[in-house]
């Protein structure tokens, strides 16, 4: 029996693609609380490297089983190293660095700029004009995301961490677009794996250079069961699985529209909090509703 990860699109392709993006963001939202815990014991660079290594170790056997060893060995690994190393390796490190210098809320707010970057990249690549419904949908998506974020914000820290977060968003947007465009011969699982492997290679090399240059070593004795569990969630779930679903959504919806889903992340974080016994937040639920409306308008479901 052959394992298939990306089956043929069903008739309700747009609905399925949006549900895939929502699932990706739901899983991705787990990264914020996991990173908060892990950054107390592990520096951003080794943490980013470990995350990518775990994701790659999880994805490689799945890719080999689905598409065969011949496809895996014949894949464009040099290009994967370049796109993955920059787009997802450096991007992941900068995002962790930003969270270590600021906080999860600040990083999440800055991540709300991804639809802007995504749509600009998409329009530059395709040379298509901006339509009114896309502008309205983008504006609603940003408003909904910002409303949800600021409903719980205590302070918005701007500085080196914020600059790193902005840079990470731009690099990740570029990497997402290039992954879909540059690897047309690969399945979505193959694209996810080859770019995660490229990111892991670049981060491991950078970590080795940093350690050889005298960077403070990680105190592995501080890593307990809680940290191991958080690292599993951080590497396997919020990266490997989330990234696979994300690239499927980008392929079907386009980078601009798919990235609007990132603004609903506070609502998903709130769901996790409610499941843990926290209160329901109507402001974040309202913000998520506005995000969904913006995505629907941008895709032409409603007239703007």
Protein backbone atom coordinates (compact mmCIF):
# COMPACT_ATOMS: atom_id res chain seq x y z
CA UNK A 1 0.00 0.00 0.00
CA UNK A 2 1.28 3.48 -0.89
CA UNK A 3 0.88 6.36 1.55
CA UNK A 4 -0.52 9.46 -0.15
CA UNK A 5 -0.30 12.87 1.53
CA UNK A 6 -1.73 15.18 -1.14
CA UNK A 7 -4.74 13.60 -2.86
CA UNK A 8 -6.55 15.10 -5.83
CA UNK A 9 -8.48 18.28 -4.98
CA UNK A 10 -12.18 17.60 -4.29
CA UNK A 11 -14.95 19.51 -6.10
CA UNK A 12 -15.24 21.93 -3.19
CA UNK A 13 -11.60 22.87 -3.68
CA UNK A 14 -11.75 26.40 -2.29
CA UNK A 15 -13.49 25.32 0.90
CA UNK A 16 -11.02 22.48 1.36
CA UNK A 17 -8.06 24.82 0.75
CA UNK A 18 -9.32 27.29 3.36
CA UNK A 19 -9.91 24.52 5.87
CA UNK A 20 -6.35 23.32 5.23
CA UNK A 21 -5.00 26.83 5.90
CA UNK A 22 -7.08 27.07 9.07
CA UNK A 23 -5.75 23.72 10.26
CA UNK A 24 -2.21 24.84 9.49
CA UNK A 25 -2.60 28.01 11.54
CA UNK A 26 -4.32 26.13 14.36
CA UNK A 27 -1.35 23.79 14.67
CA UNK A 28 1.15 26.63 14.10
CA UNK A 29 -0.36 28.59 17.00
CA UNK A 30 0.98 25.91 19.35
CA UNK A 31 4.48 27.18 18.56
CA UNK A 32 4.10 30.34 20.65
CA UNK A 33 3.52 28.76 24.09
CA UNK A 34 6.02 25.99 23.26
CA UNK A 35 8.69 28.51 22.30
CA UNK A 36 8.06 30.57 25.43
CA UNK A 37 8.88 27.53 27.54
CA UNK A 38 11.86 26.37 25.48
CA UNK A 39 13.54 29.78 25.23
CA UNK A 40 14.02 29.72 29.00
CA UNK A 41 16.53 26.88 28.58
CA UNK A 42 17.72 26.95 24.94
CA UNK A 43 19.08 29.89 22.93
CA UNK A 44 17.28 30.83 19.67
CA UNK A 45 19.90 29.41 17.27
CA UNK A 46 20.21 25.86 18.69
CA UNK A 47 16.44 25.79 19.28
CA UNK A 48 15.74 26.69 15.63
CA UNK A 49 18.25 24.05 14.50
CA UNK A 50 16.76 21.34 16.71
CA UNK A 51 13.28 22.19 15.49
CA UNK A 52 14.28 21.83 11.85
CA UNK A 53 16.18 18.59 12.47
CA UNK A 54 13.17 17.05 14.20
CA UNK A 55 10.83 18.15 11.41
CA UNK A 56 13.15 16.77 8.73
CA UNK A 57 13.57 13.46 10.56
CA UNK A 58 9.78 13.17 10.72
CA UNK A 59 9.16 14.09 7.07
CA UNK A 60 11.95 12.22 5.23
CA UNK A 61 10.62 8.67 5.74
CA UNK A 62 7.10 9.81 4.84
CA UNK A 63 8.37 11.35 1.60
CA UNK A 64 10.41 8.25 0.75
CA UNK A 65 7.39 6.04 1.37
CA UNK A 66 5.03 8.18 -0.68
CA UNK A 67 7.13 9.12 -3.72
CA UNK A 68 9.91 6.55 -3.59
CA UNK A 69 13.64 6.68 -2.90
CA UNK A 70 14.42 7.47 -6.54
CA UNK A 71 12.42 10.70 -6.34
CA UNK A 72 14.06 11.60 -3.04
CA UNK A 73 17.58 10.99 -4.36
CA UNK A 74 16.92 12.80 -7.63
CA UNK A 75 15.37 15.87 -6.03
CA UNK A 76 17.01 19.31 -6.53
CA UNK A 77 18.74 19.33 -3.14
CA UNK A 78 21.00 22.30 -3.97
CA UNK A 79 18.00 24.50 -4.66
CA UNK A 80 16.27 23.09 -1.57
CA UNK A 81 19.27 24.09 0.52
CA UNK A 82 19.11 27.62 -0.87
CA UNK A 83 15.34 28.22 -0.60
CA UNK A 84 14.90 26.30 2.65
CA UNK A 85 18.04 27.63 4.26
CA UNK A 86 17.14 31.25 3.66
CA UNK A 87 13.35 31.19 3.65
CA UNK A 88 12.74 28.83 6.55
CA UNK A 89 16.13 28.47 8.26
CA UNK A 90 17.10 32.11 8.69
CA UNK A 91 13.42 33.05 8.94
CA UNK A 92 12.83 30.61 11.81
CA UNK A 93 15.91 31.79 13.68
CA UNK A 94 14.94 35.46 13.36
CA UNK A 95 11.42 34.73 14.61
CA UNK A 96 12.81 32.97 17.70
CA UNK A 97 15.34 35.74 18.23
CA UNK A 98 12.48 38.25 18.06
CA UNK A 99 10.44 36.32 20.61
CA UNK A 100 13.44 36.06 22.94
CA UNK A 101 13.94 39.84 22.76
CA UNK A 102 10.26 40.81 22.97
CA UNK A 103 7.31 38.51 23.67
CA UNK A 104 4.88 36.25 21.85
CA UNK A 105 2.25 39.00 21.55
CA UNK A 106 4.63 41.43 19.86
CA UNK A 107 5.81 38.76 17.43
CA UNK A 108 2.23 37.76 16.66
CA UNK A 109 1.25 41.36 15.92
CA UNK A 110 4.14 41.75 13.51
CA UNK A 111 3.23 38.41 11.89
CA UNK A 112 -0.05 40.07 10.91
CA UNK A 113 1.89 41.96 8.22
CA UNK A 114 2.46 38.73 6.30
CA UNK A 115 -0.62 39.15 4.05
CA UNK A 116 0.75 42.52 2.90
CA UNK A 117 4.14 41.02 2.06
CA UNK A 118 2.55 37.95 0.50
CA UNK A 119 0.24 39.90 -1.79
CA UNK A 120 2.99 42.29 -2.84
CA UNK A 121 5.30 39.38 -3.72
CA UNK A 122 2.50 37.63 -5.56
CA UNK A 123 1.62 40.73 -7.58
CA UNK A 124 5.27 41.45 -8.43
CA UNK A 125 5.76 37.86 -9.59
CA UNK A 126 2.58 37.68 -11.69
CA UNK A 127 2.49 41.38 -12.68
CA UNK A 128 -1.22 41.48 -11.97
CA UNK A 129 -3.00 44.63 -10.72
CA UNK A 130 -4.57 44.88 -7.27
CA UNK A 131 -8.36 44.47 -7.40
CA UNK A 132 -10.70 46.36 -5.10
CA UNK A 133 -12.04 43.22 -3.43
CA UNK A 134 -8.49 42.08 -2.67
CA UNK A 135 -7.64 45.43 -1.08
CA UNK A 136 -10.86 45.37 1.00
CA UNK A 137 -10.30 41.76 2.00
CA UNK A 138 -6.71 42.48 2.98
CA UNK A 139 -7.75 45.51 5.03
CA UNK A 140 -10.41 43.52 6.89
CA UNK A 141 -7.96 40.70 7.50
CA UNK A 142 -5.44 43.11 9.02
CA UNK A 143 -8.10 44.92 11.08
CA UNK A 144 -9.46 41.64 12.43
CA UNK A 145 -6.02 40.38 13.32
CA UNK A 146 -4.93 43.61 14.97
CA UNK A 147 -8.21 43.86 16.90
CA UNK A 148 -7.76 40.35 18.23
CA UNK A 149 -4.10 40.95 19.12
CA UNK A 150 -4.60 44.32 20.79
CA UNK A 151 -7.57 43.08 22.82
CA UNK A 152 -5.09 41.29 25.10
CA UNK A 153 -1.97 43.37 24.61
CA UNK A 154 -0.17 44.91 27.53
CA UNK A 155 2.69 46.61 25.68
CA UNK A 156 4.04 46.64 22.15
CA UNK A 157 7.82 46.49 22.25
CA UNK A 158 9.64 47.97 19.26
CA UNK A 159 13.38 47.48 18.85
CA UNK A 160 15.88 44.94 17.55
CA UNK A 161 13.44 42.11 18.23
CA UNK A 162 10.68 43.81 16.26
CA UNK A 163 13.05 44.42 13.34
CA UNK A 164 14.00 40.73 13.41
CA UNK A 165 10.33 39.74 13.37
CA UNK A 166 9.56 41.99 10.38
CA UNK A 167 12.55 40.53 8.53
CA UNK A 168 11.46 36.99 9.38
CA UNK A 169 7.98 37.61 7.97
CA UNK A 170 9.43 38.97 4.71
CA UNK A 171 11.87 36.04 4.36
CA UNK A 172 9.23 33.43 5.20
CA UNK A 173 6.84 34.94 2.63
CA UNK A 174 9.58 34.79 0.01
CA UNK A 175 10.43 31.20 0.95
CA UNK A 176 6.78 30.11 0.76
CA UNK A 177 6.38 31.56 -2.71
CA UNK A 178 9.67 30.15 -4.02
CA UNK A 179 8.88 26.69 -2.62
CA UNK A 180 5.68 26.48 -4.66
CA UNK A 181 7.22 28.04 -7.79
CA UNK A 182 10.68 26.40 -7.82
CA UNK A 183 9.69 22.78 -7.12
CA UNK A 184 6.78 22.07 -9.51
CA UNK A 185 7.94 18.48 -10.02
CA UNK A 186 7.69 17.63 -6.31
CA UNK A 187 4.63 16.74 -4.26
CA UNK A 188 3.68 19.04 -1.41
CA UNK A 189 5.26 16.56 0.99
CA UNK A 190 8.45 16.64 -1.07
CA UNK A 191 8.50 20.44 -1.13
CA UNK A 192 8.01 20.62 2.61
CA UNK A 193 10.71 18.05 3.31
CA UNK A 194 13.39 19.41 0.98
CA UNK A 195 13.04 22.96 2.31
CA UNK A 196 12.98 21.81 5.95
CA UNK A 197 16.12 19.77 5.25
CA UNK A 198 17.76 22.83 3.68
CA UNK A 199 16.82 24.89 6.71
CA UNK A 200 18.18 22.23 9.06
CA UNK A 201 21.49 22.10 7.17
CA UNK A 202 22.01 25.86 7.23
CA UNK A 203 21.04 26.18 10.89
CA UNK A 204 23.26 23.27 11.99
CA UNK A 205 26.20 24.79 10.14
CA UNK A 206 25.53 28.21 11.65
CA UNK A 207 25.19 26.66 15.11
CA UNK A 208 28.53 24.85 14.70
CA UNK A 209 30.26 28.06 13.59
CA UNK A 210 28.72 29.95 16.49
CA UNK A 211 29.86 27.31 19.00
CA UNK A 212 33.38 27.30 17.54
CA UNK A 213 33.45 31.08 17.86
CA UNK A 214 32.89 30.91 21.58
CA UNK A 215 29.10 31.21 21.96
CA UNK A 216 27.73 30.11 25.32
CA UNK A 217 26.87 26.39 25.24
CA UNK A 218 23.39 25.13 26.07
CA UNK A 219 22.96 23.67 29.54
CA UNK A 220 21.23 20.43 28.55
CA UNK A 221 20.82 19.44 32.20
CA UNK A 222 17.98 21.98 32.39
CA UNK A 223 15.98 20.06 29.77
CA UNK A 224 13.27 17.99 31.44
CA UNK A 225 10.12 16.17 30.39
CA UNK A 226 8.20 19.41 29.93
CA UNK A 227 10.85 20.78 27.57
CA UNK A 228 11.03 17.50 25.63
CA UNK A 229 7.26 17.54 25.19
CA UNK A 230 7.31 21.17 24.09
CA UNK A 231 10.13 20.44 21.63
CA UNK A 232 8.13 17.57 20.13
CA UNK A 233 5.15 19.88 19.63
CA UNK A 234 7.41 22.62 18.33
CA UNK A 235 9.24 20.44 15.81
CA UNK A 236 6.80 17.72 14.75
CA UNK A 237 3.49 19.51 15.02
CA UNK A 238 3.85 23.26 14.65
CA UNK A 239 6.51 22.93 11.95
CA UNK A 240 6.44 19.59 10.06
CA UNK A 241 2.67 19.09 9.90
CA UNK A 242 1.78 22.78 9.88
CA UNK A 243 4.28 23.56 7.11
CA UNK A 244 2.98 20.72 4.95
CA UNK A 245 -0.60 21.94 5.28
CA UNK A 246 0.54 25.53 4.73
CA UNK A 247 2.22 24.78 1.40
CA UNK A 248 -0.87 22.90 0.23
CA UNK A 249 -2.94 25.99 1.05
CA UNK A 250 -0.48 28.35 -0.67
CA UNK A 251 -0.53 26.19 -3.81
CA UNK A 252 -4.33 26.20 -3.98
CA UNK A 253 -5.17 29.73 -2.80
CA UNK A 254 -2.04 31.72 -3.59
CA UNK A 255 0.34 33.22 -1.05
CA UNK A 256 -1.61 36.43 -0.52
CA UNK A 257 -4.99 34.94 0.37
CA UNK A 258 -3.52 31.97 2.25
CA UNK A 259 -1.42 34.26 4.46
CA UNK A 260 -4.55 36.12 5.61
CA UNK A 261 -5.34 33.10 7.75
CA UNK A 262 -2.38 33.90 9.98
CA UNK A 263 -4.36 36.77 11.52
CA UNK A 264 -6.77 34.31 13.13
CA UNK A 265 -3.96 32.81 15.24
CA UNK A 266 -4.98 34.70 18.44
CA UNK A 267 -8.38 33.02 18.28
CA UNK A 268 -6.72 29.61 18.10
CA UNK A 269 -4.43 30.49 20.99
CA UNK A 270 -7.54 31.50 22.94
CA UNK A 271 -9.11 28.10 22.21
CA UNK A 272 -6.07 26.41 23.73
CA UNK A 273 -6.39 28.67 26.77
CA UNK A 274 -10.11 27.84 27.18
CA UNK A 275 -9.32 24.12 26.94
CA UNK A 276 -6.81 24.65 29.74
CA UNK A 277 -9.46 26.35 31.91
CA UNK A 278 -9.05 29.97 30.82
CA UNK A 279 -11.92 32.40 30.00
CA UNK A 280 -13.57 32.84 26.59
CA UNK A 281 -12.49 36.08 24.88
CA UNK A 282 -15.18 37.68 22.73
CA UNK A 283 -12.79 40.29 21.36
CA UNK A 284 -10.56 37.62 19.84
CA UNK A 285 -13.57 35.69 18.55
CA UNK A 286 -14.82 38.88 16.89
CA UNK A 287 -11.39 39.53 15.40
CA UNK A 288 -11.28 36.01 13.95
CA UNK A 289 -14.73 36.53 12.41
CA UNK A 290 -13.52 39.72 10.70
CA UNK A 291 -10.48 37.83 9.39
CA UNK A 292 -12.72 35.14 7.89
CA UNK A 293 -14.90 37.83 6.26
CA UNK A 294 -11.80 39.45 4.77
CA UNK A 295 -10.60 36.13 3.35
CA UNK A 296 -14.01 35.47 1.78
CA UNK A 297 -14.13 38.93 0.18
CA UNK A 298 -10.58 38.60 -1.12
CA UNK A 299 -11.55 35.33 -2.81
CA UNK A 300 -14.64 36.84 -4.42
CA UNK A 301 -17.20 35.13 -2.19
CA UNK A 302 -18.78 38.51 -1.40
CA UNK A 303 -18.73 41.64 -3.54
CA UNK A 304 -16.75 44.61 -2.18
